[in-house]
């Protein structure tokens, strides 16, 4: 995905959080998104302030989850990223080669 519309790491954090099959901690989320721990902390804090993310403290660790509103936004971002990616892949495909006209084949023993 290009940074044309979204900041890549921010989009990756929200998209990663869509996977509810695991508990997301700041460190695991940062690793999944390819972001630093501090960058992830700052972004999660911003998203929590606008209601996209909730966090629960478990000892020293915070478990991060999308809110219903955040899940809708993450789904839209994933859809847009998928559309951009498919368009980029379509543009990278070489144009189809038109078929070459075939020369008539001479029968055996006939001059060409």
PDB file of N, CA and C in Angstrom:
ATOM      1  N   UNK A   1       0.845  -1.175   0.000  1.00  0.00           N
ATOM      2  CA  UNK A   1       0.000   0.000   0.000  1.00  0.00           C
ATOM      3  C   UNK A   1       0.888   1.235   0.000  1.00  0.00           C
ATOM      4  N   UNK A   2       0.471   2.185  -0.712  1.00  0.00           N
ATOM      5  CA  UNK A   2       1.226   3.425  -0.816  1.00  0.00           C
ATOM      6  C   UNK A   2       0.794   4.379   0.298  1.00  0.00           C
ATOM      7  N   UNK A   3       1.633   5.317   0.657  1.00  0.00           N
ATOM      8  CA  UNK A   3       1.288   6.334   1.652  1.00  0.00           C
ATOM      9  C   UNK A   3       0.444   7.435   1.044  1.00  0.00           C
ATOM     10  N   UNK A   4      -0.182   7.143  -0.056  1.00  0.00           N
ATOM     11  CA  UNK A   4      -0.979   8.119  -0.773  1.00  0.00           C
ATOM     12  C   UNK A   4      -2.124   8.666   0.082  1.00  0.00           C
ATOM     13  N   UNK A   5      -2.826   7.808   0.785  1.00  0.00           N
ATOM     14  CA  UNK A   5      -4.000   8.223   1.536  1.00  0.00           C
ATOM     15  C   UNK A   5      -3.785   8.092   3.042  1.00  0.00           C
ATOM     16  N   UNK A   6      -3.194   6.986   3.471  1.00  0.00           N
ATOM     17  CA  UNK A   6      -3.022   6.708   4.889  1.00  0.00           C
ATOM     18  C   UNK A   6      -1.545   6.628   5.244  1.00  0.00           C
ATOM     19  N   UNK A   7      -1.268   6.863   6.497  1.00  0.00           N
ATOM     20  CA  UNK A   7       0.063   6.553   6.988  1.00  0.00           C
ATOM     21  C   UNK A   7       0.123   5.040   7.152  1.00  0.00           C
ATOM     22  N   UNK A   8       1.104   4.454   6.535  1.00  0.00           N
ATOM     23  CA  UNK A   8       1.207   3.005   6.433  1.00  0.00           C
ATOM     24  C   UNK A   8       1.131   2.312   7.795  1.00  0.00           C
ATOM     25  N   UNK A   9       1.926   2.758   8.742  1.00  0.00           N
ATOM     26  CA  UNK A   9       1.972   2.076  10.044  1.00  0.00           C
ATOM     27  C   UNK A   9       0.684   2.263  10.828  1.00  0.00           C
ATOM     28  N   UNK A  10       0.057   3.410  10.704  1.00  0.00           N
ATOM     29  CA  UNK A  10      -1.225   3.628  11.383  1.00  0.00           C
ATOM     30  C   UNK A  10      -2.276   2.672  10.825  1.00  0.00           C
ATOM     31  N   UNK A  11      -2.316   2.559   9.518  1.00  0.00           N
ATOM     32  CA  UNK A  11      -3.272   1.651   8.885  1.00  0.00           C
ATOM     33  C   UNK A  11      -2.991   0.221   9.312  1.00  0.00           C
ATOM     34  N   UNK A  12      -1.709  -0.175   9.339  1.00  0.00           N
ATOM     35  CA  UNK A  12      -1.348  -1.540   9.730  1.00  0.00           C
ATOM     36  C   UNK A  12      -1.750  -1.838  11.178  1.00  0.00           C
ATOM     37  N   UNK A  13      -1.634  -0.866  12.065  1.00  0.00           N
ATOM     38  CA  UNK A  13      -2.026  -1.080  13.459  1.00  0.00           C
ATOM     39  C   UNK A  13      -3.524  -1.354  13.537  1.00  0.00           C
ATOM     40  N   UNK A  14      -4.323  -0.520  12.883  1.00  0.00           N
ATOM     41  CA  UNK A  14      -5.779  -0.710  12.928  1.00  0.00           C
ATOM     42  C   UNK A  14      -6.198  -2.017  12.254  1.00  0.00           C
ATOM     43  N   UNK A  15      -5.554  -2.337  11.145  1.00  0.00           N
ATOM     44  CA  UNK A  15      -5.889  -3.574  10.442  1.00  0.00           C
ATOM     45  C   UNK A  15      -5.498  -4.791  11.280  1.00  0.00           C
ATOM     46  N   UNK A  16      -4.362  -4.727  11.953  1.00  0.00           N
ATOM     47  CA  UNK A  16      -3.935  -5.836  12.816  1.00  0.00           C
ATOM     48  C   UNK A  16      -4.935  -6.051  13.947  1.00  0.00           C
ATOM     49  N   UNK A  17      -5.450  -4.979  14.499  1.00  0.00           N
ATOM     50  CA  UNK A  17      -6.402  -5.087  15.603  1.00  0.00           C
ATOM     51  C   UNK A  17      -7.719  -5.748  15.188  1.00  0.00           C
ATOM     52  N   UNK A  18      -7.977  -5.814  13.897  1.00  0.00           N
ATOM     53  CA  UNK A  18      -9.195  -6.497  13.429  1.00  0.00           C
ATOM     54  C   UNK A  18      -9.152  -7.982  13.774  1.00  0.00           C
ATOM     55  N   UNK A  19      -7.944  -8.536  13.910  1.00  0.00           N
ATOM     56  CA  UNK A  19      -7.791  -9.952  14.258  1.00  0.00           C
ATOM     57  C   UNK A  19      -8.072 -10.112  15.751  1.00  0.00           C
ATOM     58  N   UNK A  20      -9.280 -10.482  16.075  1.00  0.00           N
ATOM     59  CA  UNK A  20      -9.675 -10.637  17.472  1.00  0.00           C
ATOM     60  C   UNK A  20      -9.343 -11.989  18.055  1.00  0.00           C
ATOM     61  N   UNK A  21      -8.658 -12.837  17.305  1.00  0.00           N
ATOM     62  CA  UNK A  21      -8.346 -14.178  17.792  1.00  0.00           C
ATOM     63  C   UNK A  21      -7.194 -14.177  18.792  1.00  0.00           C
ATOM     64  N   UNK A  22      -6.527 -13.060  18.953  1.00  0.00           N
ATOM     65  CA  UNK A  22      -5.435 -12.982  19.917  1.00  0.00           C
ATOM     66  C   UNK A  22      -5.563 -11.725  20.752  1.00  0.00           C
ATOM     67  N   UNK A  23      -4.901 -11.736  21.884  1.00  0.00           N
ATOM     68  CA  UNK A  23      -4.846 -10.543  22.726  1.00  0.00           C
ATOM     69  C   UNK A  23      -3.723  -9.668  22.208  1.00  0.00           C
ATOM     70  N   UNK A  24      -4.029  -8.420  21.937  1.00  0.00           N
ATOM     71  CA  UNK A  24      -3.028  -7.501  21.416  1.00  0.00           C
ATOM     72  C   UNK A  24      -2.448  -6.661  22.542  1.00  0.00           C
ATOM     73  N   UNK A  25      -1.157  -6.796  22.732  1.00  0.00           N
ATOM     74  CA  UNK A  25      -0.403  -5.962  23.647  1.00  0.00           C
ATOM     75  C   UNK A  25       0.335  -4.939  22.800  1.00  0.00           C
ATOM     76  N   UNK A  26       0.776  -3.855  23.412  1.00  0.00           N
ATOM     77  CA  UNK A  26       1.466  -2.813  22.654  1.00  0.00           C
ATOM     78  C   UNK A  26       2.669  -3.369  21.893  1.00  0.00           C
ATOM     79  N   UNK A  27       3.456  -4.216  22.542  1.00  0.00           N
ATOM     80  CA  UNK A  27       4.666  -4.757  21.894  1.00  0.00           C
ATOM     81  C   UNK A  27       4.307  -5.651  20.713  1.00  0.00           C
ATOM     82  N   UNK A  28       3.310  -6.520  20.874  1.00  0.00           N
ATOM     83  CA  UNK A  28       2.936  -7.416  19.772  1.00  0.00           C
ATOM     84  C   UNK A  28       2.293  -6.641  18.627  1.00  0.00           C
ATOM     85  N   UNK A  29       1.558  -5.607  18.968  1.00  0.00           N
ATOM     86  CA  UNK A  29       0.931  -4.762  17.957  1.00  0.00           C
ATOM     87  C   UNK A  29       1.984  -3.986  17.168  1.00  0.00           C
ATOM     88  N   UNK A  30       2.974  -3.463  17.875  1.00  0.00           N
ATOM     89  CA  UNK A  30       4.063  -2.742  17.212  1.00  0.00           C
ATOM     90  C   UNK A  30       4.808  -3.670  16.255  1.00  0.00           C
ATOM     91  N   UNK A  31       5.066  -4.885  16.687  1.00  0.00           N
ATOM     92  CA  UNK A  31       5.781  -5.853  15.849  1.00  0.00           C
ATOM     93  C   UNK A  31       4.955  -6.211  14.614  1.00  0.00           C
ATOM     94  N   UNK A  32       3.664  -6.443  14.795  1.00  0.00           N
ATOM     95  CA  UNK A  32       2.795  -6.805  13.670  1.00  0.00           C
ATOM     96  C   UNK A  32       2.696  -5.686  12.649  1.00  0.00           C
ATOM     97  N   UNK A  33       2.742  -4.442  13.118  1.00  0.00           N
ATOM     98  CA  UNK A  33       2.604  -3.288  12.226  1.00  0.00           C
ATOM     99  C   UNK A  33       3.936  -2.806  11.679  1.00  0.00           C
ATOM    100  N   UNK A  34       5.038  -3.336  12.200  1.00  0.00           N
ATOM    101  CA  UNK A  34       6.354  -2.879  11.756  1.00  0.00           C
ATOM    102  C   UNK A  34       6.665  -1.479  12.258  1.00  0.00           C
ATOM    103  N   UNK A  35       6.118  -1.146  13.425  1.00  0.00           N
ATOM    104  CA  UNK A  35       6.305   0.180  14.010  1.00  0.00           C
ATOM    105  C   UNK A  35       7.104   0.057  15.304  1.00  0.00           C
ATOM    106  N   UNK A  36       7.613   1.168  15.778  1.00  0.00           N
ATOM    107  CA  UNK A  36       8.305   1.146  17.062  1.00  0.00           C
ATOM    108  C   UNK A  36       7.273   1.111  18.185  1.00  0.00           C
ATOM    109  N   UNK A  37       7.739   0.709  19.340  1.00  0.00           N
ATOM    110  CA  UNK A  37       6.874   0.642  20.516  1.00  0.00           C
ATOM    111  C   UNK A  37       6.322   2.032  20.845  1.00  0.00           C
ATOM    112  N   UNK A  38       7.183   3.040  20.832  1.00  0.00           N
ATOM    113  CA  UNK A  38       6.773   4.411  21.173  1.00  0.00           C
ATOM    114  C   UNK A  38       5.758   4.937  20.156  1.00  0.00           C
ATOM    115  N   UNK A  39       6.017   4.699  18.878  1.00  0.00           N
ATOM    116  CA  UNK A  39       5.084   5.138  17.838  1.00  0.00           C
ATOM    117  C   UNK A  39       3.719   4.492  18.059  1.00  0.00           C
ATOM    118  N   UNK A  40       3.733   3.204  18.356  1.00  0.00           N
ATOM    119  CA  UNK A  40       2.482   2.479  18.582  1.00  0.00           C
ATOM    120  C   UNK A  40       1.764   3.019  19.815  1.00  0.00           C
ATOM    121  N   UNK A  41       2.503   3.269  20.892  1.00  0.00           N
ATOM    122  CA  UNK A  41       1.901   3.837  22.114  1.00  0.00           C
ATOM    123  C   UNK A  41       1.217   5.168  21.816  1.00  0.00           C
ATOM    124  N   UNK A  42       1.901   6.033  21.094  1.00  0.00           N
ATOM    125  CA  UNK A  42       1.346   7.352  20.775  1.00  0.00           C
ATOM    126  C   UNK A  42       0.099   7.236  19.910  1.00  0.00           C
ATOM    127  N   UNK A  43       0.137   6.360  18.907  1.00  0.00           N
ATOM    128  CA  UNK A  43      -1.019   6.201  18.034  1.00  0.00           C
ATOM    129  C   UNK A  43      -2.197   5.589  18.781  1.00  0.00           C
ATOM    130  N   UNK A  44      -1.934   4.587  19.607  1.00  0.00           N
ATOM    131  CA  UNK A  44      -3.000   3.960  20.394  1.00  0.00           C
ATOM    132  C   UNK A  44      -3.627   4.987  21.333  1.00  0.00           C
ATOM    133  N   UNK A  45      -2.814   5.815  21.938  1.00  0.00           N
ATOM    134  CA  UNK A  45      -3.326   6.859  22.828  1.00  0.00           C
ATOM    135  C   UNK A  45      -4.240   7.826  22.066  1.00  0.00           C
ATOM    136  N   UNK A  46      -3.827   8.212  20.866  1.00  0.00           N
ATOM    137  CA  UNK A  46      -4.652   9.110  20.044  1.00  0.00           C
ATOM    138  C   UNK A  46      -5.964   8.441  19.653  1.00  0.00           C
ATOM    139  N   UNK A  47      -5.896   7.178  19.268  1.00  0.00           N
ATOM    140  CA  UNK A  47      -7.110   6.450  18.871  1.00  0.00           C
ATOM    141  C   UNK A  47      -8.047   6.226  20.054  1.00  0.00           C
ATOM    142  N   UNK A  48      -7.460   6.036  21.221  1.00  0.00           N
ATOM    143  CA  UNK A  48      -8.278   5.867  22.420  1.00  0.00           C
ATOM    144  C   UNK A  48      -9.020   7.169  22.744  1.00  0.00           C
ATOM    145  N   UNK A  49      -8.369   8.296  22.523  1.00  0.00           N
ATOM    146  CA  UNK A  49      -8.978   9.599  22.797  1.00  0.00           C
ATOM    147  C   UNK A  49     -10.184   9.878  21.903  1.00  0.00           C
ATOM    148  N   UNK A  50     -10.174   9.347  20.676  1.00  0.00           N
ATOM    149  CA  UNK A  50     -11.308   9.585  19.770  1.00  0.00           C
ATOM    150  C   UNK A  50     -12.282   8.409  19.726  1.00  0.00           C
ATOM    151  N   UNK A  51     -12.046   7.397  20.565  1.00  0.00           N
ATOM    152  CA  UNK A  51     -13.014   6.315  20.705  1.00  0.00           C
ATOM    153  C   UNK A  51     -12.880   5.161  19.729  1.00  0.00           C
ATOM    154  N   UNK A  52     -11.732   5.005  19.104  1.00  0.00           N
ATOM    155  CA  UNK A  52     -11.526   3.879  18.182  1.00  0.00           C
ATOM    156  C   UNK A  52     -10.996   2.639  18.892  1.00  0.00           C
ATOM    157  N   UNK A  53     -10.322   2.858  20.019  1.00  0.00           N
ATOM    158  CA  UNK A  53      -9.626   1.779  20.718  1.00  0.00           C
ATOM    159  C   UNK A  53      -9.922   1.880  22.210  1.00  0.00           C
ATOM    160  N   UNK A  54      -9.978   0.710  22.857  1.00  0.00           N
ATOM    161  CA  UNK A  54     -10.021   0.672  24.317  1.00  0.00           C
ATOM    162  C   UNK A  54      -8.811  -0.124  24.787  1.00  0.00           C
ATOM    163  N   UNK A  55      -8.397   0.143  25.991  1.00  0.00           N
ATOM    164  CA  UNK A  55      -7.283  -0.620  26.555  1.00  0.00           C
ATOM    165  C   UNK A  55      -7.626  -1.004  27.986  1.00  0.00           C
ATOM    166  N   UNK A  56      -7.155  -2.182  28.368  1.00  0.00           N
ATOM    167  CA  UNK A  56      -7.353  -2.664  29.725  1.00  0.00           C
ATOM    168  C   UNK A  56      -5.984  -2.991  30.300  1.00  0.00           C
ATOM    169  N   UNK A  57      -5.723  -2.501  31.498  1.00  0.00           N
ATOM    170  CA  UNK A  57      -4.459  -2.789  32.158  1.00  0.00           C
ATOM    171  C   UNK A  57      -4.532  -4.171  32.803  1.00  0.00           C
ATOM    172  N   UNK A  58      -3.519  -4.970  32.561  1.00  0.00           N
ATOM    173  CA  UNK A  58      -3.348  -6.265  33.220  1.00  0.00           C
ATOM    174  C   UNK A  58      -1.920  -6.288  33.744  1.00  0.00           C
ATOM    175  N   UNK A  59      -1.750  -5.843  34.961  1.00  0.00           N
ATOM    176  CA  UNK A  59      -0.404  -5.708  35.514  1.00  0.00           C
ATOM    177  C   UNK A  59       0.321  -4.602  34.781  1.00  0.00           C
ATOM    178  N   UNK A  60       1.495  -4.924  34.241  1.00  0.00           N
ATOM    179  CA  UNK A  60       2.261  -3.937  33.482  1.00  0.00           C
ATOM    180  C   UNK A  60       1.803  -3.839  32.033  1.00  0.00           C
ATOM    181  N   UNK A  61       1.052  -4.802  31.593  1.00  0.00           N
ATOM    182  CA  UNK A  61       0.644  -4.880  30.186  1.00  0.00           C
ATOM    183  C   UNK A  61      -0.726  -4.238  29.969  1.00  0.00           C
ATOM    184  N   UNK A  62      -0.912  -3.711  28.761  1.00  0.00           N
ATOM    185  CA  UNK A  62      -2.204  -3.182  28.317  1.00  0.00           C
ATOM    186  C   UNK A  62      -2.707  -4.078  27.200  1.00  0.00           C
ATOM    187  N   UNK A  63      -3.937  -4.522  27.307  1.00  0.00           N
ATOM    188  CA  UNK A  63      -4.562  -5.257  26.207  1.00  0.00           C
ATOM    189  C   UNK A  63      -5.350  -4.241  25.395  1.00  0.00           C
ATOM    190  N   UNK A  64      -5.094  -4.224  24.093  1.00  0.00           N
ATOM    191  CA  UNK A  64      -5.686  -3.238  23.188  1.00  0.00           C
ATOM    192  C   UNK A  64      -6.781  -3.912  22.359  1.00  0.00           C
ATOM    193  N   UNK A  65      -7.922  -3.253  22.252  1.00  0.00           N
ATOM    194  CA  UNK A  65      -9.035  -3.761  21.447  1.00  0.00           C
ATOM    195  C   UNK A  65      -9.676  -2.611  20.682  1.00  0.00           C
ATOM    196  N   UNK A  66     -10.245  -2.946  19.531  1.00  0.00           N
ATOM    197  CA  UNK A  66     -11.023  -1.964  18.772  1.00  0.00           C
ATOM    198  C   UNK A  66     -12.402  -1.829  19.389  1.00  0.00           C
ATOM    199  N   UNK A  67     -12.927  -0.629  19.386  1.00  0.00           N
ATOM    200  CA  UNK A  67     -14.325  -0.424  19.750  1.00  0.00           C
ATOM    201  C   UNK A  67     -15.156  -0.755  18.511  1.00  0.00           C
ATOM    202  N   UNK A  68     -16.453  -0.732  18.634  1.00  0.00           N
ATOM    203  CA  UNK A  68     -17.316  -0.980  17.475  1.00  0.00           C
ATOM    204  C   UNK A  68     -17.055   0.072  16.395  1.00  0.00           C
ATOM    205  N   UNK A  69     -16.923   1.307  16.829  1.00  0.00           N
ATOM    206  CA  UNK A  69     -16.625   2.410  15.903  1.00  0.00           C
ATOM    207  C   UNK A  69     -15.257   2.209  15.254  1.00  0.00           C
ATOM    208  N   UNK A  70     -14.271   1.819  16.038  1.00  0.00           N
ATOM    209  CA  UNK A  70     -12.931   1.568  15.525  1.00  0.00           C
ATOM    210  C   UNK A  70     -12.902   0.413  14.544  1.00  0.00           C
ATOM    211  N   UNK A  71     -13.716  -0.614  14.812  1.00  0.00           N
ATOM    212  CA  UNK A  71     -13.779  -1.766  13.909  1.00  0.00           C
ATOM    213  C   UNK A  71     -14.347  -1.353  12.548  1.00  0.00           C
ATOM    214  N   UNK A  72     -15.339  -0.478  12.565  1.00  0.00           N
ATOM    215  CA  UNK A  72     -15.900   0.011  11.296  1.00  0.00           C
ATOM    216  C   UNK A  72     -14.849   0.773  10.499  1.00  0.00           C
ATOM    217  N   UNK A  73     -14.102   1.631  11.191  1.00  0.00           N
ATOM    218  CA  UNK A  73     -13.056   2.413  10.524  1.00  0.00           C
ATOM    219  C   UNK A  73     -11.966   1.485   9.997  1.00  0.00           C
ATOM    220  N   UNK A  74     -11.554   0.514  10.805  1.00  0.00           N
ATOM    221  CA  UNK A  74     -10.511  -0.440  10.386  1.00  0.00           C
ATOM    222  C   UNK A  74     -10.970  -1.244   9.172  1.00  0.00           C
ATOM    223  N   UNK A  75     -12.238  -1.644   9.141  1.00  0.00           N
ATOM    224  CA  UNK A  75     -12.770  -2.369   7.977  1.00  0.00           C
ATOM    225  C   UNK A  75     -12.737  -1.502   6.725  1.00  0.00           C
ATOM    226  N   UNK A  76     -13.093  -0.227   6.879  1.00  0.00           N
ATOM    227  CA  UNK A  76     -13.058   0.676   5.728  1.00  0.00           C
ATOM    228  C   UNK A  76     -11.624   0.881   5.240  1.00  0.00           C
ATOM    229  N   UNK A  77     -10.702   1.040   6.164  1.00  0.00           N
ATOM    230  CA  UNK A  77      -9.297   1.213   5.788  1.00  0.00           C
ATOM    231  C   UNK A  77      -8.780  -0.033   5.081  1.00  0.00           C
ATOM    232  N   UNK A  78      -9.112  -1.205   5.603  1.00  0.00           N
ATOM    233  CA  UNK A  78      -8.678  -2.453   4.971  1.00  0.00           C
ATOM    234  C   UNK A  78      -9.245  -2.565   3.560  1.00  0.00           C
ATOM    235  N   UNK A  79     -10.495  -2.166   3.391  1.00  0.00           N
ATOM    236  CA  UNK A  79     -11.130  -2.216   2.076  1.00  0.00           C
ATOM    237  C   UNK A  79     -10.441  -1.256   1.101  1.00  0.00           C
ATOM    238  N   UNK A  80     -10.150  -0.059   1.554  1.00  0.00           N
ATOM    239  CA  UNK A  80      -9.477   0.927   0.702  1.00  0.00           C
ATOM    240  C   UNK A  80      -8.074   0.457   0.347  1.00  0.00           C
ATOM    241  N   UNK A  81      -7.359  -0.075   1.328  1.00  0.00           N
ATOM    242  CA  UNK A  81      -5.996  -0.583   1.079  1.00  0.00           C
ATOM    243  C   UNK A  81      -6.020  -1.725   0.067  1.00  0.00           C
ATOM    244  N   UNK A  82      -7.019  -2.581   0.184  1.00  0.00           N
ATOM    245  CA  UNK A  82      -7.156  -3.689  -0.754  1.00  0.00           C
ATOM    246  C   UNK A  82      -7.419  -3.180  -2.166  1.00  0.00           C
ATOM    247  N   UNK A  83      -8.261  -2.163  -2.284  1.00  0.00           N
ATOM    248  CA  UNK A  83      -8.572  -1.576  -3.591  1.00  0.00           C
ATOM    249  C   UNK A  83      -7.335  -0.936  -4.199  1.00  0.00           C
ATOM    250  N   UNK A  84      -6.585  -0.196  -3.394  1.00  0.00           N
ATOM    251  CA  UNK A  84      -5.355   0.437  -3.885  1.00  0.00           C
ATOM    252  C   UNK A  84      -4.366  -0.625  -4.337  1.00  0.00           C
ATOM    253  N   UNK A  85      -4.229  -1.658  -3.536  1.00  0.00           N
ATOM    254  CA  UNK A  85      -3.286  -2.727  -3.858  1.00  0.00           C
ATOM    255  C   UNK A  85      -3.672  -3.443  -5.151  1.00  0.00           C
ATOM    256  N   UNK A  86      -4.968  -3.710  -5.332  1.00  0.00           N
ATOM    257  CA  UNK A  86      -5.394  -4.403  -6.552  1.00  0.00           C
ATOM    258  C   UNK A  86      -5.189  -3.512  -7.778  1.00  0.00           C
ATOM    259  N   UNK A  87      -5.392  -2.212  -7.634  1.00  0.00           N
ATOM    260  CA  UNK A  87      -5.160  -1.297  -8.750  1.00  0.00           C
ATOM    261  C   UNK A  87      -3.684  -1.214  -9.101  1.00  0.00           C
ATOM    262  N   UNK A  88      -2.837  -1.186  -8.065  1.00  0.00           N
ATOM    263  CA  UNK A  88      -1.397  -1.141  -8.310  1.00  0.00           C
ATOM    264  C   UNK A  88      -0.929  -2.412  -8.993  1.00  0.00           C
ATOM    265  N   UNK A  89      -1.469  -3.562  -8.573  1.00  0.00           N
ATOM    266  CA  UNK A  89      -1.096  -4.830  -9.198  1.00  0.00           C
ATOM    267  C   UNK A  89      -1.570  -4.896 -10.642  1.00  0.00           C
ATOM    268  N   UNK A  90      -2.740  -4.352 -10.913  1.00  0.00           N
ATOM    269  CA  UNK A  90      -3.261  -4.348 -12.278  1.00  0.00           C
ATOM    270  C   UNK A  90      -2.400  -3.479 -13.183  1.00  0.00           C
ATOM    271  N   UNK A  91      -1.893  -2.377 -12.646  1.00  0.00           N
ATOM    272  CA  UNK A  91      -1.054  -1.481 -13.442  1.00  0.00           C
ATOM    273  C   UNK A  91       0.321  -2.072 -13.686  1.00  0.00           C
ATOM    274  N   UNK A  92       0.782  -2.960 -12.813  1.00  0.00           N
ATOM    275  CA  UNK A  92       2.095  -3.568 -12.976  1.00  0.00           C
ATOM    276  C   UNK A  92       2.086  -4.694 -14.000  1.00  0.00           C
ATOM    277  N   UNK A  93       0.916  -5.212 -14.318  1.00  0.00           N
ATOM    278  CA  UNK A  93       0.809  -6.286 -15.298  1.00  0.00           C
ATOM    279  C   UNK A  93       1.166  -5.746 -16.669  1.00  0.00           C
ATOM    280  N   UNK A  94       2.006  -6.463 -17.405  1.00  0.00           N
ATOM    281  CA  UNK A  94       2.305  -5.996 -18.752  1.00  0.00           C
ATOM    282  C   UNK A  94       1.061  -6.105 -19.622  1.00  0.00           C
ATOM    283  N   UNK A  95       0.930  -5.229 -20.593  1.00  0.00           N
ATOM    284  CA  UNK A  95      -0.254  -5.295 -21.445  1.00  0.00           C
ATOM    285  C   UNK A  95      -0.240  -6.608 -22.223  1.00  0.00           C
ATOM    286  N   UNK A  96      -1.409  -7.149 -22.519  1.00  0.00           N
ATOM    287  CA  UNK A  96      -1.443  -8.410 -23.258  1.00  0.00           C
ATOM    288  C   UNK A  96      -0.819  -8.236 -24.637  1.00  0.00           C
ATOM    289  N   UNK A  97      -0.107  -9.255 -25.065  1.00  0.00           N
ATOM    290  CA  UNK A  97       0.540  -9.224 -26.376  1.00  0.00           C
ATOM    291  C   UNK A  97      -0.496  -9.659 -27.409  1.00  0.00           C
ATOM    292  N   UNK A  98      -0.718  -8.821 -28.433  1.00  0.00           N
ATOM    293  CA  UNK A  98      -1.708  -9.217 -29.437  1.00  0.00           C
ATOM    294  C   UNK A  98      -1.188 -10.429 -30.215  1.00  0.00           C
ATOM    295  N   UNK A  99      -2.084 -11.300 -30.631  1.00  0.00           N
ATOM    296  CA  UNK A  99      -1.633 -12.480 -31.374  1.00  0.00           C
ATOM    297  C   UNK A  99      -1.016 -12.070 -32.715  1.00  0.00           C
ATOM    298  N   UNK A 100       0.047 -12.744 -33.066  1.00  0.00           N
ATOM    299  CA  UNK A 100       0.728 -12.479 -34.334  1.00  0.00           C
ATOM    300  C   UNK A 100      -0.001 -13.216 -35.458  1.00  0.00           C
ATOM    301  N   UNK A 101      -0.138 -12.577 -36.615  1.00  0.00           N
ATOM    302  CA  UNK A 101      -0.779 -13.288 -37.732  1.00  0.00           C
ATOM    303  C   UNK A 101       0.098 -14.475 -38.129  1.00  0.00           C
ATOM    304  N   UNK A 102      -0.569 -15.580 -38.362  1.00  0.00           N
ATOM    305  CA  UNK A 102       0.175 -16.780 -38.738  1.00  0.00           C
ATOM    306  C   UNK A 102       0.366 -16.827 -40.240  1.00  0.00           C
ATOM    307  N   UNK A 103       1.568 -17.271 -40.632  1.00  0.00           N
ATOM    308  CA  UNK A 103       1.853 -17.437 -42.049  1.00  0.00           C
ATOM    309  C   UNK A 103       1.256 -18.766 -42.481  1.00  0.00           C
ATOM    310  N   UNK A 104       0.743 -18.796 -43.702  1.00  0.00           N
ATOM    311  CA  UNK A 104       0.191 -20.066 -44.165  1.00  0.00           C
ATOM    312  C   UNK A 104       1.312 -21.101 -44.276  1.00  0.00           C
ATOM    313  N   UNK A 105       0.974 -22.292 -43.883  1.00  0.00           N
ATOM    314  CA  UNK A 105       1.941 -23.382 -43.942  1.00  0.00           C
ATOM    315  C   UNK A 105       1.854 -24.037 -45.304  1.00  0.00           C
ATOM    316  N   UNK A 106       3.022 -24.188 -45.940  1.00  0.00           N
ATOM    317  CA  UNK A 106       3.066 -24.819 -47.265  1.00  0.00           C
ATOM    318  C   UNK A 106       2.993 -26.330 -47.106  1.00  0.00           C
ATOM    319  N   UNK A 107       2.331 -26.982 -48.066  1.00  0.00           N
ATOM    320  CA  UNK A 107       2.255 -28.434 -48.058  1.00  0.00           C
ATOM    321  C   UNK A 107       3.627 -29.001 -48.378  1.00  0.00           C
ATOM    322  N   UNK A 108       3.921 -30.178 -47.903  1.00  0.00           N
ATOM    323  CA  UNK A 108       5.232 -30.762 -48.185  1.00  0.00           C
ATOM    324  C   UNK A 108       5.463 -30.857 -49.692  1.00  0.00           C
ATOM    325  N   UNK A 109       6.650 -30.481 -50.086  1.00  0.00           N
ATOM    326  CA  UNK A 109       7.032 -30.535 -51.477  1.00  0.00           C
ATOM    327  C   UNK A 109       6.677 -29.279 -52.265  1.00  0.00           C
ATOM    328  N   UNK A 110       5.950 -28.328 -51.679  1.00  0.00           N
ATOM    329  CA  UNK A 110       5.608 -27.086 -52.380  1.00  0.00           C
ATOM    330  C   UNK A 110       6.602 -26.006 -51.968  1.00  0.00           C
ATOM    331  N   UNK A 111       6.963 -25.134 -52.876  1.00  0.00           N
ATOM    332  CA  UNK A 111       7.864 -24.046 -52.515  1.00  0.00           C
ATOM    333  C   UNK A 111       7.165 -23.051 -51.598  1.00  0.00           C
ATOM    334  N   UNK A 112       7.934 -22.394 -50.799  1.00  0.00           N
ATOM    335  CA  UNK A 112       7.373 -21.415 -49.845  1.00  0.00           C
ATOM    336  C   UNK A 112       7.241 -20.079 -50.436  1.00  0.00           C
TER     337      UNK A 112
END
